[in-house]
Amino acid sequence: MASKAVRALLVAFAALVLTAGAVMPAMAQESPELIIKNTGEVSAQARHFNEVETPQTLYQCPALFCNKGEVLPGQALGEICIMDAEGYGWALVYNRANGHTGFVNRLRLKHPDPQIQCKDVGQYGYVVQDATLYQCPATHCNKGVAEAYDHLRVECYIDVNDGWYWIWVYNASNHHEGLLREPTNHGLERC
């Protein structure tokens, strides 16, 4: 009789352990609750076309030590803004071919840049809890950070049919860029 009770207890414990480690469905996971303040600002919406002539690295912040993505010749880039940092002129771009976002050295681009500074692009926004900024629209991509109430410049969204909207932002507080995973597109336009 004791062995049946012990066996039942072990089965119940194993079931508890197995369900405790289960992954929540994507839509059930918490989002960082993005707040966008509509200030009537006009957004560039990543419509300035550019490209590269040789393979280039896309950095998640405007510095050579940041996370890296890539762009290859022939891949269309949506460019939204420029900035100077770490002794380089940078352009913030979205690689439409592979979904990578990031900063590329402006001298490596084939066409002239839009003359919009990154601190002026998009709409003002912030997150109410620390959030991850992904360098492509997937959770396995490189990760940057948006801390609660950092000054974000919210640009546009990417929809990859995974149940989420990927909101492209530039964090003016720490200069990281990336995609926030959100359950709504917040009324933004597609990138």
C-alpha atoms as a PDB file:
ATOM      1  CA  MET A   1       0.000   0.000   0.000  1.00  0.00           C
ATOM      2  CA  ALA A   2       2.837   2.388   0.844  1.00  0.00           C
ATOM      3  CA  SER A   3       4.517   1.719  -2.491  1.00  0.00           C
ATOM      4  CA  LYS A   4       1.319   2.727  -4.385  1.00  0.00           C
ATOM      5  CA  ALA A   5       1.174   5.975  -2.430  1.00  0.00           C
ATOM      6  CA  VAL A   6       4.848   6.667  -3.079  1.00  0.00           C
ATOM      7  CA  ARG A   7       4.388   5.850  -6.773  1.00  0.00           C
ATOM      8  CA  ALA A   8       1.342   8.167  -7.001  1.00  0.00           C
ATOM      9  CA  LEU A   9       3.292  10.912  -5.273  1.00  0.00           C
ATOM     10  CA  LEU A  10       6.217  10.476  -7.702  1.00  0.00           C
ATOM     11  CA  VAL A  11       3.869  10.574 -10.729  1.00  0.00           C
ATOM     12  CA  ALA A  12       2.231  13.767  -9.407  1.00  0.00           C
ATOM     13  CA  PHE A  13       5.644  15.327  -8.745  1.00  0.00           C
ATOM     14  CA  ALA A  14       6.875  14.406 -12.235  1.00  0.00           C
ATOM     15  CA  ALA A  15       3.760  15.944 -13.795  1.00  0.00           C
ATOM     16  CA  LEU A  16       4.332  19.118 -11.786  1.00  0.00           C
ATOM     17  CA  VAL A  17       7.972  19.327 -12.874  1.00  0.00           C
ATOM     18  CA  LEU A  18       7.090  18.736 -16.544  1.00  0.00           C
ATOM     19  CA  THR A  19       4.337  21.378 -16.615  1.00  0.00           C
ATOM     20  CA  ALA A  20       6.424  23.912 -14.705  1.00  0.00           C
ATOM     21  CA  GLY A  21       9.008  23.875 -17.496  1.00  0.00           C
ATOM     22  CA  ALA A  22       6.454  24.168 -20.299  1.00  0.00           C
ATOM     23  CA  VAL A  23       6.802  27.109 -22.629  1.00  0.00           C
ATOM     24  CA  MET A  24       3.935  29.581 -22.656  1.00  0.00           C
ATOM     25  CA  PRO A  25       2.285  30.253 -26.026  1.00  0.00           C
ATOM     26  CA  ALA A  26       3.751  33.298 -27.744  1.00  0.00           C
ATOM     27  CA  MET A  27       0.719  35.557 -27.295  1.00  0.00           C
ATOM     28  CA  ALA A  28       0.448  34.716 -23.585  1.00  0.00           C
ATOM     29  CA  GLN A  29       3.892  36.104 -22.832  1.00  0.00           C
ATOM     30  CA  GLU A  30       4.168  39.620 -21.440  1.00  0.00           C
ATOM     31  CA  SER A  31       4.981  42.524 -23.734  1.00  0.00           C
ATOM     32  CA  PRO A  32       6.972  45.516 -22.492  1.00  0.00           C
ATOM     33  CA  GLU A  33       3.895  47.788 -22.913  1.00  0.00           C
ATOM     34  CA  LEU A  34       5.102  50.355 -25.383  1.00  0.00           C
ATOM     35  CA  ILE A  35       3.640  53.828 -24.905  1.00  0.00           C
ATOM     36  CA  ILE A  36       3.773  56.160 -27.921  1.00  0.00           C
ATOM     37  CA  LYS A  37       3.165  59.862 -27.429  1.00  0.00           C
ATOM     38  CA  ASN A  38       1.633  61.229 -30.630  1.00  0.00           C
ATOM     39  CA  THR A  39       3.317  64.586 -31.025  1.00  0.00           C
ATOM     40  CA  GLY A  40       2.350  65.093 -34.658  1.00  0.00           C
ATOM     41  CA  GLU A  41       5.918  64.435 -35.801  1.00  0.00           C
ATOM     42  CA  VAL A  42       6.422  63.223 -39.350  1.00  0.00           C
ATOM     43  CA  SER A  43       8.251  59.916 -39.714  1.00  0.00           C
ATOM     44  CA  ALA A  44      10.644  58.913 -42.481  1.00  0.00           C
ATOM     45  CA  GLN A  45       9.102  55.390 -42.368  1.00  0.00           C
ATOM     46  CA  ALA A  46      12.215  53.710 -43.743  1.00  0.00           C
ATOM     47  CA  ARG A  47      11.308  54.759 -47.272  1.00  0.00           C
ATOM     48  CA  HIS A  48      14.679  56.116 -48.333  1.00  0.00           C
ATOM     49  CA  PHE A  49      16.127  53.364 -50.526  1.00  0.00           C
ATOM     50  CA  ASN A  50      19.804  52.514 -50.289  1.00  0.00           C
ATOM     51  CA  GLU A  51      22.167  49.608 -50.904  1.00  0.00           C
ATOM     52  CA  VAL A  52      25.803  48.552 -50.591  1.00  0.00           C
ATOM     53  CA  GLU A  53      28.337  47.508 -53.225  1.00  0.00           C
ATOM     54  CA  THR A  54      30.301  45.128 -50.965  1.00  0.00           C
ATOM     55  CA  PRO A  55      29.205  43.001 -47.963  1.00  0.00           C
ATOM     56  CA  GLN A  56      28.821  45.190 -44.860  1.00  0.00           C
ATOM     57  CA  THR A  57      28.191  44.732 -41.170  1.00  0.00           C
ATOM     58  CA  LEU A  58      25.109  46.198 -39.495  1.00  0.00           C
ATOM     59  CA  TYR A  59      25.808  47.136 -35.858  1.00  0.00           C
ATOM     60  CA  GLN A  60      23.071  47.263 -33.221  1.00  0.00           C
ATOM     61  CA  CYS A  61      24.516  50.513 -31.905  1.00  0.00           C
ATOM     62  CA  PRO A  62      26.742  53.084 -33.685  1.00  0.00           C
ATOM     63  CA  ALA A  63      30.044  51.488 -32.613  1.00  0.00           C
ATOM     64  CA  LEU A  64      32.245  48.658 -33.906  1.00  0.00           C
ATOM     65  CA  PHE A  65      31.913  46.630 -30.670  1.00  0.00           C
ATOM     66  CA  CYS A  66      28.113  46.201 -30.888  1.00  0.00           C
ATOM     67  CA  ASN A  67      26.089  43.165 -31.999  1.00  0.00           C
ATOM     68  CA  LYS A  68      26.371  42.433 -35.706  1.00  0.00           C
ATOM     69  CA  GLY A  69      23.985  41.723 -38.563  1.00  0.00           C
ATOM     70  CA  GLU A  70      24.763  41.870 -42.268  1.00  0.00           C
ATOM     71  CA  VAL A  71      23.825  43.299 -45.629  1.00  0.00           C
ATOM     72  CA  LEU A  72      25.006  42.009 -48.994  1.00  0.00           C
ATOM     73  CA  PRO A  73      25.162  43.679 -52.417  1.00  0.00           C
ATOM     74  CA  GLY A  74      21.780  43.633 -54.143  1.00  0.00           C
ATOM     75  CA  GLN A  75      19.789  43.617 -50.888  1.00  0.00           C
ATOM     76  CA  ALA A  76      17.398  46.559 -50.557  1.00  0.00           C
ATOM     77  CA  LEU A  77      17.862  48.767 -47.509  1.00  0.00           C
ATOM     78  CA  GLY A  78      15.280  51.080 -45.982  1.00  0.00           C
ATOM     79  CA  GLU A  79      17.277  53.958 -44.469  1.00  0.00           C
ATOM     80  CA  ILE A  80      15.697  56.262 -41.904  1.00  0.00           C
ATOM     81  CA  CYS A  81      18.365  58.443 -40.324  1.00  0.00           C
ATOM     82  CA  ILE A  82      22.008  59.337 -39.813  1.00  0.00           C
ATOM     83  CA  MET A  83      24.259  60.169 -36.879  1.00  0.00           C
ATOM     84  CA  ASP A  84      27.912  60.652 -35.988  1.00  0.00           C
ATOM     85  CA  ALA A  85      29.474  58.568 -33.212  1.00  0.00           C
ATOM     86  CA  GLU A  86      32.770  56.886 -32.367  1.00  0.00           C
ATOM     87  CA  GLY A  87      34.536  58.783 -35.158  1.00  0.00           C
ATOM     88  CA  TYR A  88      32.224  57.493 -37.933  1.00  0.00           C
ATOM     89  CA  GLY A  89      29.186  58.710 -39.813  1.00  0.00           C
ATOM     90  CA  TRP A  90      26.446  56.095 -39.417  1.00  0.00           C
ATOM     91  CA  ALA A  91      23.177  55.346 -41.210  1.00  0.00           C
ATOM     92  CA  LEU A  92      20.364  53.414 -39.511  1.00  0.00           C
ATOM     93  CA  VAL A  93      18.919  50.880 -41.966  1.00  0.00           C
ATOM     94  CA  TYR A  94      16.510  47.957 -42.271  1.00  0.00           C
ATOM     95  CA  ASN A  95      17.644  45.118 -44.562  1.00  0.00           C
ATOM     96  CA  ARG A  96      14.450  44.100 -46.347  1.00  0.00           C
ATOM     97  CA  ALA A  97      16.025  40.823 -47.566  1.00  0.00           C
ATOM     98  CA  ASN A  98      16.995  39.231 -44.232  1.00  0.00           C
ATOM     99  CA  GLY A  99      15.175  41.409 -41.670  1.00  0.00           C
ATOM    100  CA  HIS A 100      18.349  42.636 -39.968  1.00  0.00           C
ATOM    101  CA  THR A 101      18.361  46.191 -38.639  1.00  0.00           C
ATOM    102  CA  GLY A 102      21.338  48.257 -37.621  1.00  0.00           C
ATOM    103  CA  PHE A 103      23.865  50.988 -38.238  1.00  0.00           C
ATOM    104  CA  VAL A 104      26.174  50.860 -41.246  1.00  0.00           C
ATOM    105  CA  ASN A 105      29.086  53.147 -42.036  1.00  0.00           C
ATOM    106  CA  ARG A 106      27.608  55.860 -44.295  1.00  0.00           C
ATOM    107  CA  LEU A 107      30.680  55.790 -46.548  1.00  0.00           C
ATOM    108  CA  ARG A 108      29.813  52.188 -47.494  1.00  0.00           C
ATOM    109  CA  LEU A 109      26.385  53.103 -48.898  1.00  0.00           C
ATOM    110  CA  LYS A 110      25.851  53.493 -52.630  1.00  0.00           C
ATOM    111  CA  HIS A 111      23.396  56.438 -52.576  1.00  0.00           C
ATOM    112  CA  PRO A 112      23.229  59.743 -50.644  1.00  0.00           C
ATOM    113  CA  ASP A 113      21.622  59.630 -47.209  1.00  0.00           C
ATOM    114  CA  PRO A 114      18.480  61.400 -46.050  1.00  0.00           C
ATOM    115  CA  GLN A 115      19.552  64.338 -43.913  1.00  0.00           C
ATOM    116  CA  ILE A 116      17.452  63.311 -40.886  1.00  0.00           C
ATOM    117  CA  GLN A 117      19.214  62.883 -37.558  1.00  0.00           C
ATOM    118  CA  CYS A 118      18.270  59.724 -35.603  1.00  0.00           C
ATOM    119  CA  LYS A 119      17.268  61.795 -32.564  1.00  0.00           C
ATOM    120  CA  ASP A 120      14.561  63.416 -34.744  1.00  0.00           C
ATOM    121  CA  VAL A 121      13.092  60.390 -36.528  1.00  0.00           C
ATOM    122  CA  GLY A 122       9.773  58.706 -35.749  1.00  0.00           C
ATOM    123  CA  GLN A 123       7.507  59.387 -32.803  1.00  0.00           C
ATOM    124  CA  TYR A 124       8.482  59.689 -29.143  1.00  0.00           C
ATOM    125  CA  GLY A 125       7.794  56.621 -27.033  1.00  0.00           C
ATOM    126  CA  TYR A 126       8.937  54.586 -24.035  1.00  0.00           C
ATOM    127  CA  VAL A 127       8.412  51.214 -22.380  1.00  0.00           C
ATOM    128  CA  VAL A 128       7.109  50.906 -18.822  1.00  0.00           C
ATOM    129  CA  GLN A 129       9.382  47.949 -18.028  1.00  0.00           C
ATOM    130  CA  ASP A 130      12.819  46.964 -19.313  1.00  0.00           C
ATOM    131  CA  ALA A 131      12.558  45.430 -22.784  1.00  0.00           C
ATOM    132  CA  THR A 132      14.693  43.568 -25.299  1.00  0.00           C
ATOM    133  CA  LEU A 133      15.410  45.110 -28.711  1.00  0.00           C
ATOM    134  CA  TYR A 134      16.002  42.327 -31.250  1.00  0.00           C
ATOM    135  CA  GLN A 135      18.211  42.921 -34.294  1.00  0.00           C
ATOM    136  CA  CYS A 136      15.823  40.940 -36.511  1.00  0.00           C
ATOM    137  CA  PRO A 137      12.159  39.884 -36.091  1.00  0.00           C
ATOM    138  CA  ALA A 138      12.867  36.720 -34.084  1.00  0.00           C
ATOM    139  CA  THR A 139      13.733  36.075 -30.425  1.00  0.00           C
ATOM    140  CA  HIS A 140      16.956  34.199 -31.341  1.00  0.00           C
ATOM    141  CA  CYS A 141      18.471  37.367 -32.864  1.00  0.00           C
ATOM    142  CA  ASN A 142      21.024  39.677 -31.264  1.00  0.00           C
ATOM    143  CA  LYS A 143      19.657  41.618 -28.324  1.00  0.00           C
ATOM    144  CA  GLY A 144      19.895  45.249 -27.286  1.00  0.00           C
ATOM    145  CA  VAL A 145      18.155  46.968 -24.367  1.00  0.00           C
ATOM    146  CA  ALA A 146      15.476  49.556 -23.742  1.00  0.00           C
ATOM    147  CA  GLU A 147      15.207  50.296 -20.036  1.00  0.00           C
ATOM    148  CA  ALA A 148      11.953  51.517 -18.561  1.00  0.00           C
ATOM    149  CA  TYR A 149      11.273  55.137 -19.589  1.00  0.00           C
ATOM    150  CA  ASP A 150      14.282  55.405 -21.944  1.00  0.00           C
ATOM    151  CA  HIS A 151      13.668  57.928 -24.755  1.00  0.00           C
ATOM    152  CA  LEU A 152      12.650  55.815 -27.764  1.00  0.00           C
ATOM    153  CA  ARG A 153      12.100  57.025 -31.312  1.00  0.00           C
ATOM    154  CA  VAL A 154       9.375  54.727 -32.679  1.00  0.00           C
ATOM    155  CA  GLU A 155       9.515  54.250 -36.438  1.00  0.00           C
ATOM    156  CA  CYS A 156       7.346  51.516 -37.977  1.00  0.00           C
ATOM    157  CA  TYR A 157       6.420  47.835 -37.672  1.00  0.00           C
ATOM    158  CA  ILE A 158       7.339  44.562 -39.346  1.00  0.00           C
ATOM    159  CA  ASP A 159       4.760  41.754 -39.527  1.00  0.00           C
ATOM    160  CA  VAL A 160       6.211  38.275 -40.065  1.00  0.00           C
ATOM    161  CA  ASN A 161       2.971  36.359 -39.349  1.00  0.00           C
ATOM    162  CA  ASP A 162       4.162  34.943 -36.018  1.00  0.00           C
ATOM    163  CA  GLY A 163       1.341  36.487 -33.964  1.00  0.00           C
ATOM    164  CA  TRP A 164       3.401  39.549 -33.035  1.00  0.00           C
ATOM    165  CA  TYR A 165       4.156  42.966 -34.455  1.00  0.00           C
ATOM    166  CA  TRP A 166       7.841  43.896 -34.434  1.00  0.00           C
ATOM    167  CA  ILE A 167       8.114  47.630 -33.732  1.00  0.00           C
ATOM    168  CA  TRP A 168      11.362  49.221 -34.963  1.00  0.00           C
ATOM    169  CA  VAL A 169      12.769  51.738 -32.493  1.00  0.00           C
ATOM    170  CA  TYR A 170      15.916  53.741 -31.934  1.00  0.00           C
ATOM    171  CA  ASN A 171      16.756  54.179 -28.238  1.00  0.00           C
ATOM    172  CA  ALA A 172      18.052  57.753 -27.977  1.00  0.00           C
ATOM    173  CA  SER A 173      19.057  57.109 -24.338  1.00  0.00           C
ATOM    174  CA  ASN A 174      21.659  54.382 -25.006  1.00  0.00           C
ATOM    175  CA  HIS A 175      21.847  54.414 -28.849  1.00  0.00           C
ATOM    176  CA  HIS A 176      20.702  50.794 -29.247  1.00  0.00           C
ATOM    177  CA  GLU A 177      18.297  50.081 -32.065  1.00  0.00           C
ATOM    178  CA  GLY A 178      16.094  47.094 -32.675  1.00  0.00           C
ATOM    179  CA  LEU A 179      12.666  45.563 -32.764  1.00  0.00           C
ATOM    180  CA  LEU A 180      10.237  45.409 -29.838  1.00  0.00           C
ATOM    181  CA  ARG A 181       7.857  42.433 -29.906  1.00  0.00           C
ATOM    182  CA  GLU A 182       4.329  43.765 -29.339  1.00  0.00           C
ATOM    183  CA  PRO A 183       0.779  42.347 -29.586  1.00  0.00           C
ATOM    184  CA  THR A 184      -0.432  45.424 -31.544  1.00  0.00           C
ATOM    185  CA  ASN A 185       1.034  47.631 -34.267  1.00  0.00           C
ATOM    186  CA  HIS A 186       0.115  50.781 -32.306  1.00  0.00           C
ATOM    187  CA  GLY A 187      -1.337  52.362 -35.450  1.00  0.00           C
ATOM    188  CA  LEU A 188       2.116  52.588 -37.061  1.00  0.00           C
ATOM    189  CA  GLU A 189       2.825  52.011 -40.739  1.00  0.00           C
ATOM    190  CA  ARG A 190       4.731  49.021 -42.096  1.00  0.00           C
ATOM    191  CA  CYS A 191       8.464  49.503 -42.539  1.00  0.00           C
END
